[in-house]
N, C-alpha and C. Protein backbone atom coordinates (compact mmCIF):
# COMPACT_ATOMS: atom_id res chain seq x y z
N MET A 1 -30.14 -14.91 -29.00
CA MET A 1 -29.77 -15.41 -27.67
C MET A 1 -28.64 -14.58 -27.09
N ARG A 2 -27.66 -14.25 -27.96
CA ARG A 2 -26.53 -13.44 -27.52
C ARG A 2 -26.99 -12.06 -27.07
N LYS A 3 -28.02 -11.50 -27.82
CA LYS A 3 -28.55 -10.18 -27.46
C LYS A 3 -29.18 -10.19 -26.08
N ILE A 4 -29.94 -11.23 -25.79
CA ILE A 4 -30.61 -11.35 -24.49
C ILE A 4 -29.57 -11.39 -23.37
N GLY A 5 -28.50 -12.19 -23.61
CA GLY A 5 -27.44 -12.29 -22.61
C GLY A 5 -26.78 -10.94 -22.37
N LEU A 6 -26.55 -10.17 -23.46
CA LEU A 6 -25.92 -8.86 -23.34
C LEU A 6 -26.82 -7.90 -22.56
N ILE A 7 -28.13 -7.95 -22.85
CA ILE A 7 -29.08 -7.07 -22.15
C ILE A 7 -29.10 -7.39 -20.65
N ILE A 8 -29.12 -8.68 -20.31
CA ILE A 8 -29.11 -9.08 -18.90
C ILE A 8 -27.83 -8.59 -18.22
N PHE A 9 -26.71 -8.72 -18.93
CA PHE A 9 -25.43 -8.28 -18.37
C PHE A 9 -25.45 -6.77 -18.10
N VAL A 10 -25.98 -5.99 -19.04
CA VAL A 10 -26.04 -4.53 -18.88
C VAL A 10 -26.93 -4.16 -17.70
N ILE A 11 -28.08 -4.83 -17.57
CA ILE A 11 -28.99 -4.55 -16.45
C ILE A 11 -28.32 -4.85 -15.12
N LEU A 12 -27.64 -6.00 -15.05
CA LEU A 12 -26.94 -6.36 -13.82
C LEU A 12 -25.84 -5.37 -13.50
N LEU A 13 -25.13 -4.93 -14.54
CA LEU A 13 -24.04 -3.96 -14.34
C LEU A 13 -24.58 -2.63 -13.81
N ILE A 14 -25.70 -2.18 -14.40
CA ILE A 14 -26.32 -0.92 -13.96
C ILE A 14 -26.76 -1.03 -12.51
N ASN A 15 -27.39 -2.16 -12.15
CA ASN A 15 -27.82 -2.36 -10.77
C ASN A 15 -26.64 -2.39 -9.81
N PHE A 16 -25.55 -3.02 -10.27
CA PHE A 16 -24.35 -3.12 -9.44
C PHE A 16 -23.74 -1.75 -9.20
N LEU A 17 -23.61 -0.96 -10.27
CA LEU A 17 -23.04 0.38 -10.15
C LEU A 17 -23.93 1.30 -9.34
N SER A 18 -25.24 1.14 -9.47
CA SER A 18 -26.18 1.95 -8.69
C SER A 18 -26.03 1.65 -7.21
N ALA A 19 -25.86 0.38 -6.90
CA ALA A 19 -25.66 -0.01 -5.50
C ALA A 19 -24.37 0.57 -4.96
N CYS A 20 -23.34 0.58 -5.82
CA CYS A 20 -22.06 1.15 -5.41
C CYS A 20 -22.20 2.63 -5.11
N MET A 21 -22.93 3.34 -5.95
CA MET A 21 -23.06 4.79 -5.81
C MET A 21 -23.92 5.19 -4.62
N SER A 22 -24.79 4.27 -4.17
CA SER A 22 -25.73 4.62 -3.12
C SER A 22 -25.16 4.46 -1.72
N GLU A 23 -23.95 3.89 -1.60
CA GLU A 23 -23.36 3.70 -0.28
C GLU A 23 -23.09 5.03 0.39
N LYS A 24 -23.32 5.10 1.67
CA LYS A 24 -23.04 6.31 2.43
C LYS A 24 -21.59 6.31 2.89
N GLU A 25 -21.07 7.52 3.12
CA GLU A 25 -19.72 7.65 3.62
C GLU A 25 -19.65 7.17 5.06
N LYS A 26 -18.50 6.60 5.41
CA LYS A 26 -18.23 6.29 6.81
C LYS A 26 -16.74 6.50 7.07
N GLU A 27 -16.40 6.68 8.33
CA GLU A 27 -15.01 6.95 8.70
C GLU A 27 -14.52 5.88 9.65
N ASP A 28 -13.35 5.31 9.30
CA ASP A 28 -12.73 4.31 10.16
C ASP A 28 -11.58 4.98 10.90
N LEU A 29 -11.63 4.98 12.23
CA LEU A 29 -10.61 5.62 13.06
C LEU A 29 -9.83 4.55 13.82
N GLN A 30 -8.49 4.67 13.82
CA GLN A 30 -7.65 3.75 14.56
C GLN A 30 -6.48 4.51 15.17
N LYS A 31 -5.98 4.00 16.30
CA LYS A 31 -4.82 4.59 16.97
C LYS A 31 -3.85 3.49 17.33
N THR A 32 -2.57 3.86 17.39
CA THR A 32 -1.56 2.90 17.83
C THR A 32 -0.38 3.64 18.45
N SER A 33 0.24 3.02 19.44
CA SER A 33 1.37 3.62 20.12
C SER A 33 2.63 3.56 19.25
N LEU A 34 3.47 4.58 19.40
CA LEU A 34 4.75 4.60 18.68
C LEU A 34 5.93 4.34 19.62
N LYS A 35 5.64 3.75 20.77
CA LYS A 35 6.71 3.43 21.70
C LYS A 35 7.70 2.47 21.06
N ASP A 36 8.98 2.79 21.10
CA ASP A 36 10.07 1.99 20.54
C ASP A 36 10.02 1.89 19.02
N ILE A 37 9.17 2.69 18.37
CA ILE A 37 9.08 2.69 16.90
C ILE A 37 9.96 3.80 16.34
N ASP A 38 10.79 3.45 15.34
CA ASP A 38 11.62 4.47 14.69
C ASP A 38 11.32 4.62 13.20
N THR A 39 10.39 3.80 12.67
CA THR A 39 10.03 3.89 11.25
C THR A 39 8.53 3.69 11.08
N ILE A 40 7.90 4.61 10.35
CA ILE A 40 6.50 4.48 9.96
C ILE A 40 6.46 4.29 8.44
N LEU A 41 5.96 3.14 7.98
CA LEU A 41 5.82 2.87 6.54
C LEU A 41 4.35 2.94 6.17
N ILE A 42 4.02 3.81 5.22
CA ILE A 42 2.64 3.96 4.75
C ILE A 42 2.57 3.47 3.31
N ASP A 43 1.94 2.31 3.11
CA ASP A 43 1.78 1.73 1.77
C ASP A 43 0.41 2.17 1.26
N PHE A 44 0.38 3.29 0.50
CA PHE A 44 -0.91 3.90 0.16
C PHE A 44 -1.45 3.52 -1.21
N GLY A 45 -0.68 2.85 -2.05
CA GLY A 45 -1.17 2.40 -3.34
C GLY A 45 -1.72 3.53 -4.18
N SER A 46 -3.00 3.44 -4.58
CA SER A 46 -3.64 4.48 -5.38
C SER A 46 -4.55 5.37 -4.52
N THR A 47 -4.47 5.23 -3.20
CA THR A 47 -5.29 6.03 -2.29
C THR A 47 -4.61 7.36 -2.01
N ASN A 48 -5.37 8.45 -2.03
CA ASN A 48 -4.83 9.74 -1.63
C ASN A 48 -4.58 9.73 -0.12
N VAL A 49 -3.43 10.26 0.28
CA VAL A 49 -3.07 10.24 1.70
C VAL A 49 -2.62 11.62 2.14
N ASN A 50 -3.05 12.00 3.34
CA ASN A 50 -2.68 13.28 3.93
C ASN A 50 -1.97 12.99 5.25
N ILE A 51 -0.72 13.47 5.39
CA ILE A 51 0.00 13.28 6.64
C ILE A 51 0.08 14.62 7.37
N VAL A 52 -0.14 14.56 8.67
CA VAL A 52 -0.23 15.78 9.48
C VAL A 52 0.57 15.60 10.75
N SER A 53 1.39 16.59 11.10
CA SER A 53 2.04 16.61 12.41
C SER A 53 1.08 17.26 13.41
N ALA A 54 0.87 16.61 14.55
CA ALA A 54 -0.12 17.12 15.50
C ALA A 54 0.35 16.88 16.93
N GLU A 55 -0.19 17.65 17.85
CA GLU A 55 0.13 17.50 19.28
C GLU A 55 -0.74 16.40 19.88
N ILE A 56 -0.35 15.17 19.61
CA ILE A 56 -1.06 13.99 20.08
C ILE A 56 -0.05 13.00 20.65
N ASN A 57 -0.54 11.98 21.36
CA ASN A 57 0.35 11.02 22.01
C ASN A 57 0.57 9.74 21.21
N GLN A 58 -0.38 9.43 20.31
CA GLN A 58 -0.30 8.20 19.54
C GLN A 58 -0.44 8.50 18.04
N LEU A 59 -0.07 7.54 17.22
CA LEU A 59 -0.33 7.63 15.80
C LEU A 59 -1.81 7.45 15.56
N GLU A 60 -2.43 8.37 14.84
CA GLU A 60 -3.87 8.31 14.58
C GLU A 60 -4.12 8.16 13.08
N LEU A 61 -5.00 7.22 12.74
CA LEU A 61 -5.33 6.94 11.34
C LEU A 61 -6.82 7.15 11.13
N SER A 62 -7.14 7.79 10.02
CA SER A 62 -8.54 8.02 9.68
C SER A 62 -8.72 7.76 8.20
N MET A 63 -9.65 6.85 7.86
CA MET A 63 -9.91 6.57 6.45
C MET A 63 -11.39 6.81 6.14
N LEU A 64 -11.63 7.64 5.14
CA LEU A 64 -12.99 7.92 4.68
C LEU A 64 -13.37 6.90 3.63
N LEU A 65 -14.47 6.17 3.89
CA LEU A 65 -14.90 5.08 3.01
C LEU A 65 -16.29 5.37 2.43
N HIS A 66 -16.57 4.73 1.31
CA HIS A 66 -17.88 4.85 0.68
C HIS A 66 -18.56 3.47 0.62
N ASP A 67 -18.12 2.55 1.46
CA ASP A 67 -18.70 1.21 1.48
C ASP A 67 -18.45 0.60 2.85
N ASP A 68 -18.90 -0.63 3.02
CA ASP A 68 -18.70 -1.34 4.28
C ASP A 68 -17.56 -2.35 4.20
N GLY A 69 -16.71 -2.17 3.19
CA GLY A 69 -15.61 -3.11 2.99
C GLY A 69 -14.48 -2.88 3.98
N PRO A 70 -13.39 -3.65 3.85
CA PRO A 70 -12.27 -3.55 4.77
C PRO A 70 -11.55 -2.22 4.62
N SER A 71 -10.85 -1.80 5.67
CA SER A 71 -10.24 -0.48 5.71
C SER A 71 -8.74 -0.57 5.92
N ILE A 72 -8.28 -0.22 7.12
CA ILE A 72 -6.86 -0.07 7.39
C ILE A 72 -6.30 -1.30 8.08
N ALA A 73 -5.13 -1.72 7.64
CA ALA A 73 -4.41 -2.80 8.32
C ALA A 73 -3.13 -2.23 8.92
N ILE A 74 -2.90 -2.50 10.22
CA ILE A 74 -1.70 -2.02 10.91
C ILE A 74 -0.88 -3.23 11.34
N ASP A 75 0.39 -3.22 10.94
CA ASP A 75 1.28 -4.32 11.29
C ASP A 75 2.49 -3.76 12.03
N LYS A 76 2.75 -4.29 13.21
CA LYS A 76 3.88 -3.82 14.01
C LYS A 76 4.98 -4.87 14.06
N GLU A 77 6.19 -4.40 13.78
CA GLU A 77 7.36 -5.24 13.98
C GLU A 77 8.14 -4.65 15.15
N LYS A 78 9.43 -5.02 15.27
CA LYS A 78 10.20 -4.62 16.45
C LYS A 78 10.29 -3.10 16.59
N HIS A 79 10.73 -2.40 15.55
CA HIS A 79 10.88 -0.95 15.62
C HIS A 79 10.16 -0.25 14.46
N LYS A 80 9.19 -0.94 13.87
CA LYS A 80 8.56 -0.42 12.66
C LYS A 80 7.07 -0.69 12.68
N VAL A 81 6.29 0.29 12.21
CA VAL A 81 4.86 0.09 12.05
C VAL A 81 4.51 0.31 10.58
N THR A 82 3.75 -0.63 10.01
CA THR A 82 3.36 -0.56 8.59
C THR A 82 1.86 -0.36 8.50
N ILE A 83 1.46 0.61 7.67
CA ILE A 83 0.05 0.93 7.46
C ILE A 83 -0.31 0.59 6.02
N GLN A 84 -1.35 -0.20 5.84
CA GLN A 84 -1.80 -0.58 4.50
C GLN A 84 -3.31 -0.45 4.41
N GLN A 85 -3.77 -0.19 3.19
CA GLN A 85 -5.21 -0.25 2.93
C GLN A 85 -5.57 -1.67 2.53
N LYS A 86 -6.53 -2.25 3.21
CA LYS A 86 -6.99 -3.57 2.82
C LYS A 86 -7.65 -3.50 1.45
N LYS A 87 -7.35 -4.46 0.59
CA LYS A 87 -7.83 -4.44 -0.79
C LYS A 87 -9.29 -4.88 -0.88
N GLU A 88 -10.02 -4.25 -1.81
CA GLU A 88 -11.43 -4.60 -2.03
C GLU A 88 -11.72 -4.38 -3.50
N LEU A 89 -12.03 -5.47 -4.24
CA LEU A 89 -12.22 -5.41 -5.69
C LEU A 89 -13.34 -4.45 -6.09
N ILE A 90 -14.39 -4.35 -5.28
CA ILE A 90 -15.55 -3.54 -5.64
C ILE A 90 -15.17 -2.06 -5.80
N ARG A 91 -14.11 -1.63 -5.10
CA ARG A 91 -13.72 -0.22 -5.16
C ARG A 91 -13.18 0.19 -6.52
N LEU A 92 -12.79 -0.78 -7.34
CA LEU A 92 -12.33 -0.46 -8.68
C LEU A 92 -13.43 0.18 -9.52
N PHE A 93 -14.70 -0.10 -9.18
CA PHE A 93 -15.83 0.42 -9.95
C PHE A 93 -16.34 1.74 -9.41
N LYS A 94 -15.80 2.20 -8.31
CA LYS A 94 -16.31 3.41 -7.66
C LYS A 94 -15.48 4.61 -8.08
N ILE A 95 -15.69 5.02 -9.30
CA ILE A 95 -14.94 6.15 -9.84
C ILE A 95 -15.30 7.41 -9.06
N GLY A 96 -14.27 8.14 -8.61
CA GLY A 96 -14.50 9.37 -7.86
C GLY A 96 -14.85 9.13 -6.40
N LYS A 97 -14.86 7.87 -5.97
CA LYS A 97 -15.20 7.57 -4.58
C LYS A 97 -14.14 6.68 -3.94
N LYS A 98 -12.89 6.95 -4.24
CA LYS A 98 -11.82 6.19 -3.62
C LYS A 98 -11.69 6.59 -2.15
N PRO A 99 -11.22 5.67 -1.31
CA PRO A 99 -10.99 6.02 0.09
C PRO A 99 -9.95 7.14 0.22
N GLN A 100 -10.07 7.92 1.29
CA GLN A 100 -9.12 8.98 1.61
C GLN A 100 -8.50 8.65 2.97
N LEU A 101 -7.18 8.63 3.03
CA LEU A 101 -6.48 8.27 4.25
C LEU A 101 -5.78 9.48 4.86
N GLU A 102 -5.99 9.70 6.15
CA GLU A 102 -5.26 10.74 6.87
C GLU A 102 -4.46 10.08 7.98
N VAL A 103 -3.18 10.45 8.06
CA VAL A 103 -2.28 9.91 9.07
C VAL A 103 -1.78 11.08 9.92
N ARG A 104 -2.14 11.07 11.21
CA ARG A 104 -1.73 12.14 12.13
C ARG A 104 -0.59 11.61 12.99
N ILE A 105 0.55 12.32 12.92
CA ILE A 105 1.78 11.86 13.54
C ILE A 105 2.15 12.78 14.70
N PRO A 106 2.47 12.23 15.87
CA PRO A 106 2.86 13.07 16.99
C PRO A 106 4.08 13.94 16.64
N ILE A 107 4.04 15.20 17.05
CA ILE A 107 5.15 16.12 16.78
C ILE A 107 6.45 15.58 17.36
N GLU A 108 6.37 14.88 18.48
CA GLU A 108 7.58 14.38 19.14
C GLU A 108 8.25 13.24 18.38
N PHE A 109 7.57 12.63 17.41
CA PHE A 109 8.18 11.53 16.67
C PHE A 109 9.29 12.06 15.78
N THR A 110 10.49 11.50 15.91
CA THR A 110 11.65 11.99 15.15
C THR A 110 12.27 10.90 14.26
N GLY A 111 11.52 9.82 14.03
CA GLY A 111 12.05 8.73 13.21
C GLY A 111 11.79 8.95 11.73
N LYS A 112 11.83 7.86 10.97
CA LYS A 112 11.62 7.90 9.53
C LYS A 112 10.14 7.75 9.20
N ILE A 113 9.69 8.51 8.20
CA ILE A 113 8.34 8.35 7.66
C ILE A 113 8.50 8.03 6.18
N ILE A 114 8.06 6.85 5.78
CA ILE A 114 8.23 6.39 4.40
C ILE A 114 6.85 6.18 3.79
N LEU A 115 6.59 6.81 2.64
CA LEU A 115 5.34 6.64 1.92
C LEU A 115 5.63 5.98 0.59
N ASP A 116 5.00 4.83 0.34
CA ASP A 116 5.25 4.06 -0.87
C ASP A 116 3.92 3.80 -1.56
N GLY A 117 3.76 4.26 -2.81
CA GLY A 117 2.49 4.06 -3.51
C GLY A 117 2.64 4.17 -5.00
N SER A 118 1.48 4.30 -5.68
CA SER A 118 1.49 4.35 -7.14
C SER A 118 0.85 5.65 -7.62
N SER A 119 -0.46 5.63 -7.86
CA SER A 119 -1.13 6.80 -8.44
C SER A 119 -1.81 7.69 -7.41
N GLY A 120 -1.74 7.35 -6.15
CA GLY A 120 -2.36 8.19 -5.12
C GLY A 120 -1.56 9.48 -4.91
N ASP A 121 -2.27 10.55 -4.56
CA ASP A 121 -1.62 11.83 -4.25
C ASP A 121 -1.19 11.83 -2.78
N VAL A 122 -0.09 12.54 -2.50
CA VAL A 122 0.41 12.67 -1.13
C VAL A 122 0.41 14.14 -0.74
N PHE A 123 -0.22 14.45 0.38
CA PHE A 123 -0.24 15.81 0.91
C PHE A 123 0.33 15.80 2.32
N GLY A 124 0.99 16.87 2.69
CA GLY A 124 1.53 17.00 4.04
C GLY A 124 1.18 18.36 4.62
N GLU A 125 0.76 18.38 5.88
CA GLU A 125 0.37 19.62 6.54
C GLU A 125 1.11 19.78 7.86
N ASN A 126 1.59 20.99 8.13
CA ASN A 126 2.22 21.32 9.41
C ASN A 126 3.32 20.34 9.80
N LEU A 127 4.08 19.88 8.82
CA LEU A 127 5.05 18.82 9.08
C LEU A 127 6.20 19.30 9.96
N GLN A 128 6.60 18.45 10.88
CA GLN A 128 7.74 18.70 11.77
C GLN A 128 8.41 17.36 12.02
N THR A 129 9.11 16.88 11.03
CA THR A 129 9.70 15.55 11.15
C THR A 129 11.16 15.61 10.74
N HIS A 130 11.92 14.57 11.02
CA HIS A 130 13.36 14.58 10.75
C HIS A 130 13.76 13.77 9.52
N ASN A 131 12.87 12.99 8.98
CA ASN A 131 13.25 12.18 7.82
C ASN A 131 11.98 11.69 7.13
N ILE A 132 11.73 12.19 5.92
CA ILE A 132 10.54 11.78 5.19
C ILE A 132 10.92 11.39 3.76
N ARG A 133 10.38 10.25 3.33
CA ARG A 133 10.67 9.76 1.97
C ARG A 133 9.36 9.36 1.30
N VAL A 134 9.21 9.77 0.03
CA VAL A 134 8.03 9.43 -0.75
C VAL A 134 8.46 8.79 -2.05
N ASP A 135 7.94 7.60 -2.34
CA ASP A 135 8.16 6.93 -3.62
C ASP A 135 6.80 6.74 -4.27
N GLY A 136 6.57 7.42 -5.39
CA GLY A 136 5.28 7.33 -6.07
C GLY A 136 5.44 7.16 -7.56
N SER A 137 4.31 7.18 -8.26
CA SER A 137 4.33 7.00 -9.71
C SER A 137 3.73 8.24 -10.38
N SER A 138 2.42 8.23 -10.62
CA SER A 138 1.78 9.35 -11.31
C SER A 138 1.08 10.31 -10.37
N GLY A 139 1.04 10.01 -9.10
CA GLY A 139 0.39 10.90 -8.15
C GLY A 139 1.26 12.11 -7.83
N LYS A 140 0.63 13.24 -7.50
CA LYS A 140 1.41 14.43 -7.13
C LYS A 140 1.76 14.39 -5.65
N VAL A 141 2.80 15.16 -5.30
CA VAL A 141 3.27 15.22 -3.92
C VAL A 141 3.35 16.69 -3.52
N GLU A 142 2.64 17.05 -2.44
CA GLU A 142 2.69 18.41 -1.89
C GLU A 142 2.93 18.32 -0.39
N LEU A 143 4.07 18.84 0.05
CA LEU A 143 4.43 18.79 1.46
C LEU A 143 4.63 20.20 1.99
N GLY A 144 3.93 20.53 3.08
CA GLY A 144 4.06 21.84 3.70
C GLY A 144 4.58 21.72 5.12
N PHE A 145 5.58 22.51 5.46
CA PHE A 145 6.22 22.43 6.77
C PHE A 145 5.90 23.68 7.60
N SER A 146 5.60 23.46 8.87
CA SER A 146 5.44 24.59 9.77
C SER A 146 6.75 24.88 10.48
N GLN A 147 7.62 23.87 10.56
CA GLN A 147 8.94 24.00 11.15
C GLN A 147 9.84 23.04 10.40
N PHE A 148 10.74 23.59 9.58
CA PHE A 148 11.55 22.71 8.74
C PHE A 148 12.82 22.28 9.47
N LYS A 149 12.88 20.98 9.78
CA LYS A 149 14.08 20.36 10.33
C LYS A 149 14.10 18.92 9.81
N SER A 150 14.21 18.77 8.50
CA SER A 150 13.94 17.46 7.91
C SER A 150 14.86 17.14 6.74
N ASN A 151 15.15 15.85 6.61
CA ASN A 151 15.66 15.33 5.35
C ASN A 151 14.45 14.93 4.51
N ILE A 152 14.44 15.32 3.25
CA ILE A 152 13.30 15.03 2.37
C ILE A 152 13.81 14.34 1.12
N ASN A 153 13.23 13.20 0.79
CA ASN A 153 13.57 12.49 -0.43
C ASN A 153 12.27 12.09 -1.12
N VAL A 154 12.00 12.70 -2.27
CA VAL A 154 10.76 12.42 -3.01
C VAL A 154 11.12 11.99 -4.43
N LYS A 155 10.53 10.88 -4.86
CA LYS A 155 10.79 10.38 -6.21
C LYS A 155 9.47 9.94 -6.85
N THR A 156 9.15 10.50 -8.01
CA THR A 156 7.95 10.10 -8.75
C THR A 156 8.31 9.85 -10.21
N THR A 157 7.37 9.26 -10.94
CA THR A 157 7.59 9.05 -12.37
C THR A 157 7.09 10.24 -13.17
N SER A 158 5.80 10.57 -13.01
CA SER A 158 5.24 11.70 -13.76
C SER A 158 4.51 12.69 -12.87
N GLY A 159 4.44 12.44 -11.59
CA GLY A 159 3.72 13.35 -10.70
C GLY A 159 4.52 14.60 -10.38
N ASN A 160 3.81 15.73 -10.25
CA ASN A 160 4.45 16.98 -9.85
C ASN A 160 4.83 16.94 -8.37
N ILE A 161 5.89 17.66 -8.02
CA ILE A 161 6.37 17.74 -6.64
C ILE A 161 6.41 19.20 -6.22
N ASN A 162 5.70 19.53 -5.14
CA ASN A 162 5.69 20.90 -4.60
C ASN A 162 6.03 20.84 -3.12
N ILE A 163 7.08 21.55 -2.72
CA ILE A 163 7.52 21.57 -1.33
C ILE A 163 7.46 23.00 -0.81
N TYR A 164 6.83 23.18 0.35
CA TYR A 164 6.70 24.50 0.96
C TYR A 164 7.40 24.47 2.32
N LEU A 165 8.61 25.05 2.39
CA LEU A 165 9.39 25.03 3.62
C LEU A 165 8.97 26.15 4.57
N ASN A 166 8.39 27.22 4.01
CA ASN A 166 7.90 28.35 4.81
C ASN A 166 9.00 28.98 5.65
N GLU A 167 10.22 29.04 5.10
CA GLU A 167 11.33 29.73 5.73
C GLU A 167 12.13 30.46 4.66
N ASP A 168 12.62 31.65 5.00
CA ASP A 168 13.40 32.42 4.03
C ASP A 168 14.78 31.81 3.80
N GLU A 169 15.36 31.24 4.84
CA GLU A 169 16.70 30.67 4.73
C GLU A 169 16.78 29.35 5.48
N PRO A 170 16.15 28.32 4.95
CA PRO A 170 16.20 27.01 5.61
C PRO A 170 17.60 26.42 5.53
N ASP A 171 17.93 25.57 6.48
CA ASP A 171 19.24 24.91 6.50
C ASP A 171 19.18 23.67 5.61
N ALA A 172 19.51 23.81 4.34
CA ALA A 172 19.29 22.69 3.42
C ALA A 172 20.30 22.64 2.28
N ARG A 173 20.59 21.41 1.88
CA ARG A 173 21.29 21.12 0.62
C ARG A 173 20.22 20.64 -0.34
N ILE A 174 20.07 21.32 -1.46
CA ILE A 174 18.94 21.07 -2.35
C ILE A 174 19.42 20.49 -3.68
N HIS A 175 18.75 19.42 -4.11
CA HIS A 175 19.06 18.78 -5.39
C HIS A 175 17.74 18.42 -6.07
N LEU A 176 17.46 19.08 -7.18
CA LEU A 176 16.25 18.81 -7.97
C LEU A 176 16.68 18.14 -9.28
N LYS A 177 15.93 17.12 -9.67
CA LYS A 177 16.33 16.36 -10.85
C LYS A 177 15.09 15.90 -11.62
N SER A 178 15.05 16.17 -12.92
CA SER A 178 13.95 15.68 -13.76
C SER A 178 14.44 15.57 -15.20
N SER A 179 13.81 14.69 -15.97
CA SER A 179 14.21 14.49 -17.36
C SER A 179 13.61 15.54 -18.27
N SER A 180 12.32 15.85 -18.08
CA SER A 180 11.66 16.81 -18.98
C SER A 180 10.83 17.86 -18.25
N GLY A 181 10.69 17.77 -16.94
CA GLY A 181 9.88 18.72 -16.20
C GLY A 181 10.61 20.02 -15.88
N ARG A 182 9.86 21.02 -15.41
CA ARG A 182 10.43 22.32 -15.06
C ARG A 182 10.82 22.35 -13.59
N HIS A 183 11.81 23.22 -13.27
CA HIS A 183 12.24 23.45 -11.89
C HIS A 183 11.92 24.88 -11.51
N ALA A 184 11.37 25.09 -10.33
CA ALA A 184 11.11 26.44 -9.83
C ALA A 184 11.58 26.50 -8.38
N VAL A 185 12.53 27.40 -8.09
CA VAL A 185 13.09 27.53 -6.75
C VAL A 185 12.84 28.94 -6.25
N GLY A 186 12.08 29.07 -5.17
CA GLY A 186 11.78 30.38 -4.62
C GLY A 186 12.68 30.75 -3.46
N LEU A 187 13.91 30.24 -3.44
CA LEU A 187 14.87 30.48 -2.38
C LEU A 187 16.16 31.01 -2.99
N ALA A 188 16.88 31.82 -2.22
CA ALA A 188 18.19 32.31 -2.66
C ALA A 188 19.23 31.23 -2.34
N LEU A 189 19.79 30.61 -3.37
CA LEU A 189 20.71 29.50 -3.18
C LEU A 189 22.16 29.93 -3.33
N GLU A 190 23.02 29.39 -2.48
CA GLU A 190 24.45 29.51 -2.64
C GLU A 190 24.96 28.26 -3.35
N ASN A 191 26.18 28.33 -3.85
CA ASN A 191 26.77 27.18 -4.59
C ASN A 191 25.81 26.71 -5.68
N PHE A 192 25.18 27.67 -6.34
CA PHE A 192 24.11 27.36 -7.30
C PHE A 192 24.67 26.74 -8.58
N GLN A 193 24.06 25.63 -8.99
CA GLN A 193 24.39 24.97 -10.26
C GLN A 193 23.09 24.56 -10.93
N GLN A 194 22.98 24.80 -12.21
CA GLN A 194 21.75 24.44 -12.92
C GLN A 194 22.04 24.00 -14.33
N SER A 195 21.37 22.95 -14.75
CA SER A 195 21.39 22.48 -16.13
C SER A 195 19.96 22.20 -16.53
N ARG A 196 19.76 21.66 -17.71
CA ARG A 196 18.39 21.39 -18.16
C ARG A 196 17.69 20.36 -17.28
N LYS A 197 18.45 19.43 -16.72
CA LYS A 197 17.84 18.35 -15.95
C LYS A 197 18.05 18.45 -14.44
N GLU A 198 18.99 19.29 -13.99
CA GLU A 198 19.29 19.31 -12.57
C GLU A 198 19.47 20.73 -12.04
N THR A 199 19.10 20.92 -10.77
CA THR A 199 19.35 22.16 -10.05
C THR A 199 19.92 21.79 -8.69
N ARG A 200 21.02 22.45 -8.33
CA ARG A 200 21.66 22.20 -7.03
C ARG A 200 21.97 23.51 -6.33
N GLY A 201 22.03 23.46 -5.01
CA GLY A 201 22.44 24.63 -4.26
C GLY A 201 22.27 24.39 -2.77
N THR A 202 22.73 25.34 -1.97
CA THR A 202 22.60 25.25 -0.53
C THR A 202 22.01 26.54 0.02
N THR A 203 21.46 26.45 1.21
CA THR A 203 20.92 27.63 1.88
C THR A 203 21.08 27.44 3.38
N GLY A 204 21.30 28.55 4.10
CA GLY A 204 21.51 28.46 5.54
C GLY A 204 22.75 27.65 5.87
N ASN A 205 22.66 26.84 6.91
CA ASN A 205 23.79 26.00 7.33
C ASN A 205 23.84 24.66 6.61
N ALA A 206 22.89 24.42 5.72
CA ALA A 206 22.88 23.19 4.89
C ALA A 206 22.92 21.91 5.73
N ASN A 207 22.20 21.90 6.85
CA ASN A 207 22.21 20.73 7.73
C ASN A 207 21.38 19.56 7.21
N TYR A 208 20.36 19.85 6.41
CA TYR A 208 19.44 18.81 5.95
C TYR A 208 19.51 18.68 4.43
N GLU A 209 19.18 17.49 3.95
CA GLU A 209 19.24 17.22 2.51
C GLU A 209 17.83 17.13 1.93
N ILE A 210 17.61 17.83 0.83
CA ILE A 210 16.35 17.77 0.11
C ILE A 210 16.63 17.26 -1.30
N MET A 211 16.16 16.05 -1.61
CA MET A 211 16.36 15.42 -2.91
C MET A 211 14.99 15.19 -3.54
N LEU A 212 14.71 15.89 -4.65
CA LEU A 212 13.42 15.78 -5.33
C LEU A 212 13.67 15.34 -6.76
N GLU A 213 13.06 14.22 -7.16
CA GLU A 213 13.34 13.66 -8.49
C GLU A 213 12.06 13.17 -9.15
N THR A 214 11.88 13.52 -10.42
CA THR A 214 10.76 13.03 -11.22
C THR A 214 11.19 12.90 -12.66
N SER A 215 10.55 12.01 -13.40
CA SER A 215 10.92 11.82 -14.81
C SER A 215 10.34 12.93 -15.67
N SER A 216 9.01 13.10 -15.63
CA SER A 216 8.38 14.09 -16.50
C SER A 216 7.55 15.12 -15.76
N GLY A 217 7.50 15.05 -14.43
CA GLY A 217 6.74 16.02 -13.66
C GLY A 217 7.51 17.31 -13.43
N ASN A 218 6.82 18.32 -12.93
CA ASN A 218 7.44 19.60 -12.56
C ASN A 218 7.77 19.60 -11.07
N ILE A 219 8.78 20.39 -10.71
CA ILE A 219 9.24 20.48 -9.31
C ILE A 219 9.28 21.94 -8.89
N SER A 220 8.75 22.21 -7.70
CA SER A 220 8.87 23.57 -7.14
C SER A 220 9.18 23.46 -5.67
N ILE A 221 9.99 24.40 -5.17
CA ILE A 221 10.33 24.46 -3.76
C ILE A 221 10.38 25.90 -3.33
N ASN A 222 9.71 26.19 -2.20
CA ASN A 222 9.63 27.56 -1.70
C ASN A 222 9.85 27.56 -0.19
């Protein structure tokens, strides 16, 4: 009797997973105004997220889905907009088919951008912002700037951190910190200090602060 029950369970599981795999991709697009907003909070959880600075008038969100389940939730407070992925239990079984979130931010926005998550990866393209903070766990963080005028604060547990400033002499105070990971700095630093766990220095006029911290991940800045 127990064998029959196990066989039925396996058949149902196979049918369930097959149905999950057969879903077609779809894209959920949303826009919202940033009037009077000074903080954008992106709660990305285990979803990979890509943030992009673009010549647009509103905040644009795009999520790639592999099912018909819920997508993006936007919550506005007085001066803050919060972006969250709506939870769906079925997505736990869709290995390799997690949603992908892209957040396009107007170049003119000069407020805070905060990304808070766990195992999702964070990517940044053509960034031109004044204050960006990332708090993650095992996901990697890669941020690329087309025009560096930013305070950057990134903290992970085991994820690697790679920052591309794309300037020979950015105006920055740099502090890299890790317990067991490697540090790689492709910039000529003044006031240079280095130990096994920390690297410090300044470049240019040192107007902006770059703080990168991970427990066991590697850190690079160029």
